[in-house]
Amino acid sequence: MRSVMPNRSTTRAAVFSLALLAVGACGRKEQPATETSSGAIATGSAVQVADVTLGRSVSGDKRVMNATDTFSTRDTIFASVHTTGASPNAVLVTRWIFQDGQVVNENSENISPTGDAYSEFHVSKPSGWPPGRYTVKVLVNGQEASSKEFTVR
């Protein structure tokens, strides 16, 4: 029976591969996962969505006045996004979706919060919204962080 011994190049390749794997694992930092108020998981961002409030108007501080989740076909729909955390540059996106999955609008805003902050987004449709169920999804730096459902009647 013949004994198989690894040659030096095979051994070197194995050691080199293990070293690369170890260096890659050490250099990667796991981003903390945070559960938002809607139950969504936001990862890798210093800014988290604490709450999304819908209504027909906002105050000067970008907070919704008279919150509601039911709108008429001619309403302008406002979303106040409350964020926590700090970042020198974060991108908030609202994606407004009709019940059939069609994206009816998308807005984005660059923010640089240093703690609690509010951002205002809104959509309108002069010809009138089709009645039905809608969802607004809020993304932070490309990751879904929260969503809110509402109805147009």
C-alpha atoms as a PDB file:
ATOM      1  CA  MET A   1       0.000   0.000   0.000  1.00  0.00           C
ATOM      2  CA  ARG A   2       1.293   3.406  -0.921  1.00  0.00           C
ATOM      3  CA  SER A   3       1.228   6.274   1.576  1.00  0.00           C
ATOM      4  CA  VAL A   4       0.141   9.667   0.252  1.00  0.00           C
ATOM      5  CA  MET A   5       1.958  12.601   1.803  1.00  0.00           C
ATOM      6  CA  PRO A   6       0.974  16.147   0.936  1.00  0.00           C
ATOM      7  CA  ASN A   7       3.624  18.032  -0.971  1.00  0.00           C
ATOM      8  CA  ARG A   8       4.866  21.429   0.098  1.00  0.00           C
ATOM      9  CA  SER A   9       2.787  23.388  -2.430  1.00  0.00           C
ATOM     10  CA  THR A  10      -0.434  21.708  -1.238  1.00  0.00           C
ATOM     11  CA  THR A  11       0.422  22.472   2.375  1.00  0.00           C
ATOM     12  CA  ARG A  12       1.306  26.084   1.569  1.00  0.00           C
ATOM     13  CA  ALA A  13      -1.927  26.560  -0.346  1.00  0.00           C
ATOM     14  CA  ALA A  14      -3.965  25.196   2.558  1.00  0.00           C
ATOM     15  CA  VAL A  15      -2.168  27.399   5.092  1.00  0.00           C
ATOM     16  CA  PHE A  16      -2.551  30.457   2.835  1.00  0.00           C
ATOM     17  CA  SER A  17      -6.282  29.768   2.372  1.00  0.00           C
ATOM     18  CA  LEU A  18      -6.829  29.438   6.123  1.00  0.00           C
ATOM     19  CA  ALA A  19      -4.895  32.657   6.759  1.00  0.00           C
ATOM     20  CA  LEU A  20      -7.023  34.561   4.232  1.00  0.00           C
ATOM     21  CA  LEU A  21     -10.190  33.183   5.779  1.00  0.00           C
ATOM     22  CA  ALA A  22      -9.057  34.241   9.264  1.00  0.00           C
ATOM     23  CA  VAL A  23      -8.080  37.746   8.128  1.00  0.00           C
ATOM     24  CA  GLY A  24     -11.419  38.191   6.363  1.00  0.00           C
ATOM     25  CA  ALA A  25     -13.376  37.065   9.412  1.00  0.00           C
ATOM     26  CA  CYS A  26     -11.423  39.344  11.747  1.00  0.00           C
ATOM     27  CA  GLY A  27     -11.844  42.412   9.548  1.00  0.00           C
ATOM     28  CA  ARG A  28     -15.607  42.095   9.267  1.00  0.00           C
ATOM     29  CA  LYS A  29     -17.677  43.675  12.001  1.00  0.00           C
ATOM     30  CA  GLU A  30     -21.190  42.472  12.517  1.00  0.00           C
ATOM     31  CA  GLN A  31     -23.704  45.284  12.291  1.00  0.00           C
ATOM     32  CA  PRO A  32     -26.187  45.375  15.153  1.00  0.00           C
ATOM     33  CA  ALA A  33     -29.751  44.405  14.307  1.00  0.00           C
ATOM     34  CA  THR A  34     -32.486  46.622  15.702  1.00  0.00           C
ATOM     35  CA  GLU A  35     -36.180  45.864  15.815  1.00  0.00           C
ATOM     36  CA  THR A  36     -38.325  48.848  14.831  1.00  0.00           C
ATOM     37  CA  SER A  37     -41.750  49.720  16.220  1.00  0.00           C
ATOM     38  CA  SER A  38     -43.346  47.937  13.262  1.00  0.00           C
ATOM     39  CA  GLY A  39     -41.370  44.779  13.976  1.00  0.00           C
ATOM     40  CA  ALA A  40     -39.084  45.190  10.957  1.00  0.00           C
ATOM     41  CA  ILE A  41     -35.391  44.549  11.445  1.00  0.00           C
ATOM     42  CA  ALA A  42     -33.033  47.370  10.491  1.00  0.00           C
ATOM     43  CA  THR A  43     -29.374  46.447  10.291  1.00  0.00           C
ATOM     44  CA  GLY A  44     -26.160  48.293   9.655  1.00  0.00           C
ATOM     45  CA  SER A  45     -27.385  51.816  10.234  1.00  0.00           C
ATOM     46  CA  ALA A  46     -26.776  54.287  13.037  1.00  0.00           C
ATOM     47  CA  VAL A  47     -30.202  55.788  12.242  1.00  0.00           C
ATOM     48  CA  GLN A  48     -33.339  53.836  13.078  1.00  0.00           C
ATOM     49  CA  VAL A  49     -37.001  54.561  12.383  1.00  0.00           C
ATOM     50  CA  ALA A  50     -38.837  54.899  15.698  1.00  0.00           C
ATOM     51  CA  ASP A  51     -42.280  55.602  14.240  1.00  0.00           C
ATOM     52  CA  VAL A  52     -44.211  56.549  11.110  1.00  0.00           C
ATOM     53  CA  THR A  53     -47.362  58.631  11.528  1.00  0.00           C
ATOM     54  CA  LEU A  54     -49.833  59.399   8.726  1.00  0.00           C
ATOM     55  CA  GLY A  55     -52.236  62.314   8.458  1.00  0.00           C
ATOM     56  CA  ARG A  56     -53.659  65.095   6.287  1.00  0.00           C
ATOM     57  CA  SER A  57     -51.294  67.848   7.482  1.00  0.00           C
ATOM     58  CA  VAL A  58     -48.049  68.441   9.368  1.00  0.00           C
ATOM     59  CA  SER A  59     -46.931  71.155  11.773  1.00  0.00           C
ATOM     60  CA  GLY A  60     -43.826  73.314  11.398  1.00  0.00           C
ATOM     61  CA  ASP A  61     -41.761  70.684  13.241  1.00  0.00           C
ATOM     62  CA  LYS A  62     -42.684  68.055  10.612  1.00  0.00           C
ATOM     63  CA  ARG A  63     -45.004  66.124  12.937  1.00  0.00           C
ATOM     64  CA  VAL A  64     -48.425  64.976  11.740  1.00  0.00           C
ATOM     65  CA  MET A  65     -51.394  66.821  13.137  1.00  0.00           C
ATOM     66  CA  ASN A  66     -54.557  64.700  13.625  1.00  0.00           C
ATOM     67  CA  ALA A  67     -53.148  61.279  12.750  1.00  0.00           C
ATOM     68  CA  THR A  68     -55.304  58.983  10.639  1.00  0.00           C
ATOM     69  CA  ASP A  69     -54.971  55.919   8.449  1.00  0.00           C
ATOM     70  CA  THR A  70     -58.113  56.607   6.365  1.00  0.00           C
ATOM     71  CA  PHE A  71     -58.084  59.182   3.559  1.00  0.00           C
ATOM     72  CA  SER A  72     -60.431  60.435   0.848  1.00  0.00           C
ATOM     73  CA  THR A  73     -59.569  60.172  -2.839  1.00  0.00           C
ATOM     74  CA  ARG A  74     -58.544  63.857  -3.117  1.00  0.00           C
ATOM     75  CA  ASP A  75     -56.443  64.091   0.087  1.00  0.00           C
ATOM     76  CA  THR A  76     -52.749  64.862   0.235  1.00  0.00           C
ATOM     77  CA  ILE A  77     -51.295  62.108   2.407  1.00  0.00           C
ATOM     78  CA  PHE A  78     -48.516  63.095   4.794  1.00  0.00           C
ATOM     79  CA  ALA A  79     -46.053  60.782   6.532  1.00  0.00           C
ATOM     80  CA  SER A  80     -43.966  61.993   9.459  1.00  0.00           C
ATOM     81  CA  VAL A  81     -40.967  59.721   9.977  1.00  0.00           C
ATOM     82  CA  HIS A  82     -39.470  59.851  13.471  1.00  0.00           C
ATOM     83  CA  THR A  83     -35.843  58.692  13.508  1.00  0.00           C
ATOM     84  CA  THR A  84     -33.392  58.141  16.334  1.00  0.00           C
ATOM     85  CA  GLY A  85     -29.632  57.912  16.274  1.00  0.00           C
ATOM     86  CA  ALA A  86     -26.954  59.946  14.582  1.00  0.00           C
ATOM     87  CA  SER A  87     -25.326  59.890  11.172  1.00  0.00           C
ATOM     88  CA  PRO A  88     -23.441  62.457   9.109  1.00  0.00           C
ATOM     89  CA  ASN A  89     -25.305  61.211   6.031  1.00  0.00           C
ATOM     90  CA  ALA A  90     -28.291  58.884   5.890  1.00  0.00           C
ATOM     91  CA  VAL A  91     -30.872  58.497   3.146  1.00  0.00           C
ATOM     92  CA  LEU A  92     -34.549  58.119   4.042  1.00  0.00           C
ATOM     93  CA  VAL A  93     -36.874  56.831   1.332  1.00  0.00           C
ATOM     94  CA  THR A  94     -40.648  56.492   1.368  1.00  0.00           C
ATOM     95  CA  ARG A  95     -42.128  54.073  -1.137  1.00  0.00           C
ATOM     96  CA  TRP A  96     -45.900  54.442  -1.568  1.00  0.00           C
ATOM     97  CA  ILE A  97     -47.519  51.205  -2.811  1.00  0.00           C
ATOM     98  CA  PHE A  98     -51.059  50.405  -3.982  1.00  0.00           C
ATOM     99  CA  GLN A  99     -52.737  47.142  -2.952  1.00  0.00           C
ATOM    100  CA  ASP A 100     -51.773  45.433  -6.237  1.00  0.00           C
ATOM    101  CA  GLY A 101     -48.067  46.014  -5.518  1.00  0.00           C
ATOM    102  CA  GLN A 102     -47.718  48.962  -7.901  1.00  0.00           C
ATOM    103  CA  VAL A 103     -45.347  51.660  -6.622  1.00  0.00           C
ATOM    104  CA  VAL A 104     -47.301  54.904  -7.029  1.00  0.00           C
ATOM    105  CA  ASN A 105     -44.589  57.236  -5.727  1.00  0.00           C
ATOM    106  CA  GLU A 106     -41.158  57.262  -4.135  1.00  0.00           C
ATOM    107  CA  ASN A 107     -39.489  60.141  -2.284  1.00  0.00           C
ATOM    108  CA  SER A 108     -36.043  60.420  -0.726  1.00  0.00           C
ATOM    109  CA  GLU A 109     -34.332  62.829   1.617  1.00  0.00           C
ATOM    110  CA  ASN A 110     -30.729  63.029   2.808  1.00  0.00           C
ATOM    111  CA  ILE A 111     -30.600  63.586   6.549  1.00  0.00           C
ATOM    112  CA  SER A 112     -27.808  64.226   9.076  1.00  0.00           C
ATOM    113  CA  PRO A 113     -29.506  63.660  12.433  1.00  0.00           C
ATOM    114  CA  THR A 114     -27.747  63.994  15.768  1.00  0.00           C
ATOM    115  CA  GLY A 115     -30.539  62.372  17.813  1.00  0.00           C
ATOM    116  CA  ASP A 116     -34.325  62.337  17.554  1.00  0.00           C
ATOM    117  CA  ALA A 117     -35.459  63.904  14.281  1.00  0.00           C
ATOM    118  CA  TYR A 118     -38.601  64.147  12.143  1.00  0.00           C
ATOM    119  CA  SER A 119     -38.807  64.110   8.357  1.00  0.00           C
ATOM    120  CA  GLU A 120     -41.923  64.882   6.341  1.00  0.00           C
ATOM    121  CA  PHE A 121     -42.983  63.178   3.122  1.00  0.00           C
ATOM    122  CA  HIS A 122     -46.224  63.546   1.217  1.00  0.00           C
ATOM    123  CA  VAL A 123     -48.048  62.388  -1.894  1.00  0.00           C
ATOM    124  CA  SER A 124     -51.013  63.771  -3.752  1.00  0.00           C
ATOM    125  CA  LYS A 125     -52.908  62.901  -6.876  1.00  0.00           C
ATOM    126  CA  PRO A 126     -54.953  65.787  -8.338  1.00  0.00           C
ATOM    127  CA  SER A 127     -57.115  63.387 -10.373  1.00  0.00           C
ATOM    128  CA  GLY A 128     -57.878  61.409  -7.206  1.00  0.00           C
ATOM    129  CA  TRP A 129     -56.523  58.249  -5.581  1.00  0.00           C
ATOM    130  CA  PRO A 130     -58.178  54.968  -6.529  1.00  0.00           C
ATOM    131  CA  PRO A 131     -59.987  53.617  -3.460  1.00  0.00           C
ATOM    132  CA  GLY A 132     -58.250  50.708  -1.766  1.00  0.00           C
ATOM    133  CA  ARG A 133     -55.460  49.657   0.575  1.00  0.00           C
ATOM    134  CA  TYR A 134     -52.032  51.267   0.395  1.00  0.00           C
ATOM    135  CA  THR A 135     -48.729  50.839   2.199  1.00  0.00           C
ATOM    136  CA  VAL A 136     -45.924  53.304   2.742  1.00  0.00           C
ATOM    137  CA  LYS A 137     -42.560  51.634   3.288  1.00  0.00           C
ATOM    138  CA  VAL A 138     -39.703  53.574   4.872  1.00  0.00           C
ATOM    139  CA  LEU A 139     -36.130  52.647   4.000  1.00  0.00           C
ATOM    140  CA  VAL A 140     -32.955  53.844   5.711  1.00  0.00           C
ATOM    141  CA  ASN A 141     -29.871  53.608   3.511  1.00  0.00           C
ATOM    142  CA  GLY A 142     -31.626  51.126   1.233  1.00  0.00           C
ATOM    143  CA  GLN A 143     -32.883  48.804   4.001  1.00  0.00           C
ATOM    144  CA  GLU A 144     -36.582  48.598   4.858  1.00  0.00           C
ATOM    145  CA  ALA A 145     -36.993  49.932   8.394  1.00  0.00           C
ATOM    146  CA  SER A 146     -40.760  50.355   8.821  1.00  0.00           C
ATOM    147  CA  SER A 147     -44.076  50.289   7.006  1.00  0.00           C
ATOM    148  CA  LYS A 148     -47.548  51.628   7.590  1.00  0.00           C
ATOM    149  CA  GLU A 149     -50.828  50.617   5.928  1.00  0.00           C
ATOM    150  CA  PHE A 150     -53.641  53.024   5.125  1.00  0.00           C
ATOM    151  CA  THR A 151     -56.937  53.110   3.263  1.00  0.00           C
ATOM    152  CA  VAL A 152     -58.334  55.474   0.627  1.00  0.00           C
ATOM    153  CA  ARG A 153     -62.145  55.589   0.472  1.00  0.00           C
END
